[in-house]
């Protein structure tokens, strides 16, 4: 499986950059997407890879990114939706949407949908970077998807990571017959700059002596690289959630009848897409 086009978002640092390094040199075109011009360009120079900039807190930038990628890469073989983060407090984006939900779920949802023709052409593998926060903190309220009533940074992040899993499951349901393979995964608790700007207690792990006990970005990227380079439906079952290359149990809501479909339709409305049948 060489000569493929692999797009990785959140590729300027951490898991995304580690995955890009691991996937480079295999004869594939590894395309980097990042928010920071300096960091993204530095990784791109290191790898000799093309790169694009987009801030997922702006849906206009996501739409511009999708148009640019669609024109440059008519066939996309792997899309790794890795960009994300946990916010210090509840805030709205320029689109009027809760920022944690938008950056982690709605922006990659929009990007994936806008790239669907290219992904179908490539019979692509679409990968979502989730987190154990889906089970620890996630509890999607269909009457309060954007956590207006009972916001906490952990809850918002847990909901967004649960949404990643639900999106992967629904993407599989809707587009498996057209050749798309989807999966989500938890990279483990790793030593990166994640949560540095957050008020979440999770930031303590990333700043203190506990950091020494955490995994590396390379170990965190391992499952992403495995999903991107192995055979979907043969080496791993489609639509599932993985930890350390094995199917894992996500939050109970990940398997709730009808929730993934509801979330897809609600997300489509929030980002201004008509939901496909």
Protein backbone atom coordinates (compact mmCIF):
# COMPACT_ATOMS: atom_id res chain seq x y z
CA UNK A 1 0.00 0.00 0.00
CA UNK A 2 2.29 2.76 -1.27
CA UNK A 3 1.69 5.86 -3.32
CA UNK A 4 -1.26 6.81 -1.16
CA UNK A 5 -2.38 10.22 0.08
CA UNK A 6 -2.57 10.43 3.88
CA UNK A 7 -3.93 13.60 5.49
CA UNK A 8 -3.30 14.19 9.20
CA UNK A 9 -4.88 17.09 11.09
CA UNK A 10 -3.33 18.37 14.29
CA UNK A 11 0.01 17.44 12.75
CA UNK A 12 2.12 20.29 14.13
CA UNK A 13 2.88 18.60 17.45
CA UNK A 14 2.23 15.59 19.67
CA UNK A 15 0.48 12.53 18.26
CA UNK A 16 -0.15 14.06 14.85
CA UNK A 17 3.50 14.96 14.29
CA UNK A 18 4.65 11.57 15.61
CA UNK A 19 2.26 9.77 13.27
CA UNK A 20 3.45 11.88 10.33
CA UNK A 21 7.06 10.95 11.09
CA UNK A 22 6.19 7.25 11.33
CA UNK A 23 4.23 7.32 8.08
CA UNK A 24 6.82 9.25 6.08
CA UNK A 25 9.35 7.41 3.94
CA UNK A 26 6.92 4.67 2.90
CA UNK A 27 6.29 6.02 -0.60
CA UNK A 28 3.09 7.81 0.44
CA UNK A 29 2.25 11.50 0.33
CA UNK A 30 1.78 12.55 3.94
CA UNK A 31 -0.12 15.84 4.08
CA UNK A 32 0.07 17.88 7.28
CA UNK A 33 -2.68 20.15 8.59
CA UNK A 34 -2.03 22.38 11.59
CA UNK A 35 -3.08 25.60 13.28
CA UNK A 36 0.34 27.01 14.15
CA UNK A 37 2.24 28.35 11.10
CA UNK A 38 5.62 27.98 12.80
CA UNK A 39 5.17 24.49 14.23
CA UNK A 40 3.43 23.07 11.17
CA UNK A 41 6.05 24.48 8.81
CA UNK A 42 8.84 23.07 10.99
CA UNK A 43 7.44 19.54 10.87
CA UNK A 44 6.81 19.89 7.14
CA UNK A 45 10.42 20.97 6.53
CA UNK A 46 11.70 18.06 8.59
CA UNK A 47 9.69 15.55 6.57
CA UNK A 48 9.71 17.27 3.20
CA UNK A 49 5.91 17.15 3.33
CA UNK A 50 3.20 19.48 2.03
CA UNK A 51 1.25 21.36 4.68
CA UNK A 52 -1.85 23.49 5.08
CA UNK A 53 -3.03 25.78 7.85
CA UNK A 54 -6.48 25.98 9.39
CA UNK A 55 -7.95 26.98 12.72
CA UNK A 56 -10.80 24.59 13.51
CA UNK A 57 -12.41 27.28 15.66
CA UNK A 58 -13.51 28.81 12.33
CA UNK A 59 -15.79 26.79 10.07
CA UNK A 60 -14.94 29.17 7.22
CA UNK A 61 -11.31 28.08 7.51
CA UNK A 62 -12.40 24.42 7.56
CA UNK A 63 -14.41 24.95 4.38
CA UNK A 64 -11.47 26.70 2.72
CA UNK A 65 -9.16 23.88 3.80
CA UNK A 66 -11.54 21.26 2.41
CA UNK A 67 -11.78 23.03 -0.94
CA UNK A 68 -7.99 23.30 -1.18
CA UNK A 69 -7.42 19.65 -0.24
CA UNK A 70 -10.16 18.42 -2.57
CA UNK A 71 -8.58 20.24 -5.50
CA UNK A 72 -5.03 19.16 -4.68
CA UNK A 73 -5.77 15.51 -3.87
CA UNK A 74 -8.59 14.04 -5.99
CA UNK A 75 -8.11 10.69 -4.26
CA UNK A 76 -7.57 10.55 -0.49
CA UNK A 77 -6.62 7.19 1.01
CA UNK A 78 -6.41 8.08 4.72
CA UNK A 79 -7.89 10.97 6.68
CA UNK A 80 -6.75 11.11 10.30
CA UNK A 81 -8.95 13.55 12.20
CA UNK A 82 -6.50 14.13 15.02
CA UNK A 83 -6.84 17.85 15.80
CA UNK A 84 -8.49 18.74 19.10
CA UNK A 85 -8.08 20.11 22.58
CA UNK A 86 -9.65 20.89 25.92
CA UNK A 87 -10.59 24.49 26.71
CA UNK A 88 -10.07 26.49 29.90
CA UNK A 89 -13.65 27.71 30.07
CA UNK A 90 -16.83 27.77 28.05
CA UNK A 91 -16.46 30.06 25.07
CA UNK A 92 -18.10 30.45 21.70
CA UNK A 93 -16.31 30.44 18.37
CA UNK A 94 -16.81 32.99 15.62
CA UNK A 95 -19.54 30.61 14.42
CA UNK A 96 -21.44 30.94 17.70
CA UNK A 97 -20.74 27.33 18.69
CA UNK A 98 -19.22 25.93 21.88
CA UNK A 99 -15.50 25.79 21.14
CA UNK A 100 -14.67 22.33 22.57
CA UNK A 101 -17.43 20.69 20.54
CA UNK A 102 -16.49 22.57 17.39
CA UNK A 103 -12.73 22.01 17.46
CA UNK A 104 -12.94 18.33 18.43
CA UNK A 105 -16.06 17.18 16.62
CA UNK A 106 -17.94 19.63 14.42
CA UNK A 107 -14.90 20.83 12.43
CA UNK A 108 -13.67 17.29 11.58
CA UNK A 109 -17.28 16.28 10.88
CA UNK A 110 -17.54 19.12 8.37
CA UNK A 111 -14.11 18.45 6.85
CA UNK A 112 -14.88 14.76 6.38
CA UNK A 113 -18.25 15.46 4.78
CA UNK A 114 -16.81 18.02 2.39
CA UNK A 115 -14.10 15.55 1.35
CA UNK A 116 -16.47 12.62 0.88
CA UNK A 117 -16.14 12.39 -2.93
CA UNK A 118 -12.34 12.21 -2.61
CA UNK A 119 -12.56 9.74 0.27
CA UNK A 120 -14.97 7.49 -1.60
CA UNK A 121 -12.72 7.61 -4.65
CA UNK A 122 -9.82 6.44 -2.48
CA UNK A 123 -11.90 3.86 -0.54
CA UNK A 124 -10.38 5.70 2.38
CA UNK A 125 -9.72 4.87 5.98
CA UNK A 126 -11.03 7.68 8.22
CA UNK A 127 -9.57 7.73 11.73
CA UNK A 128 -10.73 9.77 14.73
CA UNK A 129 -8.48 10.42 17.71
CA UNK A 130 -10.71 10.01 20.75
CA UNK A 131 -9.84 9.72 24.46
CA UNK A 132 -10.68 7.81 27.61
CA UNK A 133 -12.48 11.04 28.57
CA UNK A 134 -15.41 9.69 26.53
CA UNK A 135 -16.04 7.16 29.28
CA UNK A 136 -14.82 9.19 32.26
CA UNK A 137 -16.70 12.41 31.58
CA UNK A 138 -18.87 12.06 28.48
CA UNK A 139 -22.65 12.20 28.79
CA UNK A 140 -24.30 13.71 25.74
CA UNK A 141 -27.55 15.50 26.52
CA UNK A 142 -29.63 15.72 23.35
CA UNK A 143 -31.37 18.78 24.81
CA UNK A 144 -28.08 20.51 25.62
CA UNK A 145 -25.45 19.34 23.13
CA UNK A 146 -23.37 22.49 23.63
CA UNK A 147 -23.41 22.29 27.43
CA UNK A 148 -25.03 25.65 28.05
CA UNK A 149 -26.59 24.58 31.37
CA UNK A 150 -23.99 22.46 33.15
CA UNK A 151 -20.62 23.25 31.63
CA UNK A 152 -17.29 21.93 32.84
CA UNK A 153 -14.14 21.61 30.76
CA UNK A 154 -13.98 17.87 31.45
CA UNK A 155 -17.63 17.32 30.57
CA UNK A 156 -17.37 19.28 27.34
CA UNK A 157 -14.22 17.41 26.34
CA UNK A 158 -15.69 14.03 27.29
CA UNK A 159 -18.79 14.76 25.22
CA UNK A 160 -16.68 15.79 22.23
CA UNK A 161 -14.54 12.64 22.44
CA UNK A 162 -17.69 10.53 22.72
CA UNK A 163 -18.97 12.37 19.65
CA UNK A 164 -15.81 11.27 17.78
CA UNK A 165 -16.67 7.64 18.49
CA UNK A 166 -20.30 8.07 17.51
CA UNK A 167 -19.24 9.81 14.31
CA UNK A 168 -16.91 6.95 13.38
CA UNK A 169 -19.70 4.44 13.97
CA UNK A 170 -22.23 6.40 11.93
CA UNK A 171 -19.74 7.06 9.13
CA UNK A 172 -19.25 3.31 8.91
CA UNK A 173 -23.01 2.71 8.84
CA UNK A 174 -23.62 5.27 6.11
CA UNK A 175 -20.60 4.77 3.85
CA UNK A 176 -19.19 1.27 4.33
CA UNK A 177 -20.95 0.16 1.14
CA UNK A 178 -19.11 2.92 -0.74
CA UNK A 179 -15.74 1.69 0.46
CA UNK A 180 -15.02 3.98 3.41
CA UNK A 181 -13.55 2.32 6.51
CA UNK A 182 -13.78 4.22 9.78
CA UNK A 183 -12.41 3.76 13.29
CA UNK A 184 -11.72 5.73 16.45
CA UNK A 185 -8.99 5.18 19.01
CA UNK A 186 -7.65 6.28 22.38
CA UNK A 187 -3.90 7.02 22.20
CA UNK A 188 -3.34 6.57 25.94
CA UNK A 189 -2.21 9.22 28.41
CA UNK A 190 0.91 10.63 26.86
CA UNK A 191 3.40 13.39 27.65
CA UNK A 192 2.52 16.24 25.28
CA UNK A 193 1.48 19.88 25.64
CA UNK A 194 -2.16 18.81 25.65
CA UNK A 195 -4.39 20.68 28.15
CA UNK A 196 -1.71 23.28 28.84
CA UNK A 197 -4.19 26.11 28.45
CA UNK A 198 -6.99 24.40 30.31
CA UNK A 199 -8.38 24.67 33.81
CA UNK A 200 -9.02 20.93 33.79
CA UNK A 201 -7.33 18.85 36.51
CA UNK A 202 -5.91 16.76 33.66
CA UNK A 203 -3.37 19.50 33.00
CA UNK A 204 -1.59 18.55 36.24
CA UNK A 205 -0.49 15.25 34.71
CA UNK A 206 1.07 17.07 31.80
CA UNK A 207 3.00 19.60 33.93
CA UNK A 208 4.25 17.78 37.02
CA UNK A 209 6.47 14.87 37.97
CA UNK A 210 3.62 12.58 36.92
CA UNK A 211 4.61 13.48 33.35
CA UNK A 212 7.54 11.09 33.64
CA UNK A 213 5.15 8.19 33.99
CA UNK A 214 3.24 9.00 30.83
CA UNK A 215 3.70 7.47 27.41
CA UNK A 216 5.36 9.30 24.53
CA UNK A 217 3.79 10.86 21.46
CA UNK A 218 5.26 7.94 19.50
CA UNK A 219 3.49 5.32 21.63
CA UNK A 220 0.31 7.38 21.44
CA UNK A 221 0.50 7.48 17.64
CA UNK A 222 1.05 3.73 17.31
CA UNK A 223 -2.61 2.77 16.93
CA UNK A 224 -3.21 5.59 14.45
CA UNK A 225 -0.29 4.41 12.33
CA UNK A 226 -1.50 0.81 12.56
CA UNK A 227 -5.02 1.76 11.43
CA UNK A 228 -3.56 3.81 8.57
CA UNK A 229 -1.27 1.05 7.28
CA UNK A 230 -3.19 -2.17 7.92
CA UNK A 231 -6.16 -3.73 6.10
CA UNK A 232 -9.57 -2.50 7.23
CA UNK A 233 -12.10 -5.27 7.64
CA UNK A 234 -9.29 -7.84 7.69
CA UNK A 235 -6.80 -6.69 10.31
CA UNK A 236 -9.43 -4.76 12.26
CA UNK A 237 -13.25 -4.61 12.36
CA UNK A 238 -14.87 -1.54 10.88
CA UNK A 239 -16.44 1.25 12.88
CA UNK A 240 -14.97 0.23 16.23
CA UNK A 241 -13.10 2.01 19.03
CA UNK A 242 -9.53 0.84 19.72
CA UNK A 243 -6.97 1.02 22.48
CA UNK A 244 -3.49 -0.41 21.84
CA UNK A 245 -4.62 -1.98 18.55
CA UNK A 246 -7.49 -3.84 20.21
CA UNK A 247 -11.22 -3.24 20.18
CA UNK A 248 -12.13 -1.55 23.46
CA UNK A 249 -15.27 -0.67 25.33
CA UNK A 250 -16.33 2.95 25.02
CA UNK A 251 -18.91 4.80 27.10
CA UNK A 252 -22.33 3.18 27.21
CA UNK A 253 -23.81 5.95 25.07
CA UNK A 254 -21.52 4.98 22.20
CA UNK A 255 -23.82 1.99 21.63
CA UNK A 256 -27.14 3.70 22.36
CA UNK A 257 -29.65 2.99 19.60
CA UNK A 258 -30.29 6.02 17.45
CA UNK A 259 -27.83 8.38 19.16
CA UNK A 260 -25.18 8.28 16.42
CA UNK A 261 -27.81 9.07 13.79
CA UNK A 262 -29.22 11.88 15.94
CA UNK A 263 -25.74 13.35 16.44
CA UNK A 264 -24.97 13.21 12.72
CA UNK A 265 -28.15 15.10 11.87
CA UNK A 266 -27.68 17.62 14.69
CA UNK A 267 -24.06 18.19 13.64
CA UNK A 268 -25.05 18.64 10.00
CA UNK A 269 -27.52 21.32 11.02
CA UNK A 270 -25.01 23.13 13.24
CA UNK A 271 -22.35 23.31 10.51
CA UNK A 272 -24.79 24.12 7.72
CA UNK A 273 -24.82 20.83 5.87
CA UNK A 274 -27.89 19.01 4.64
CA UNK A 275 -27.67 15.49 6.08
CA UNK A 276 -27.33 12.84 3.34
CA UNK A 277 -29.84 10.01 3.31
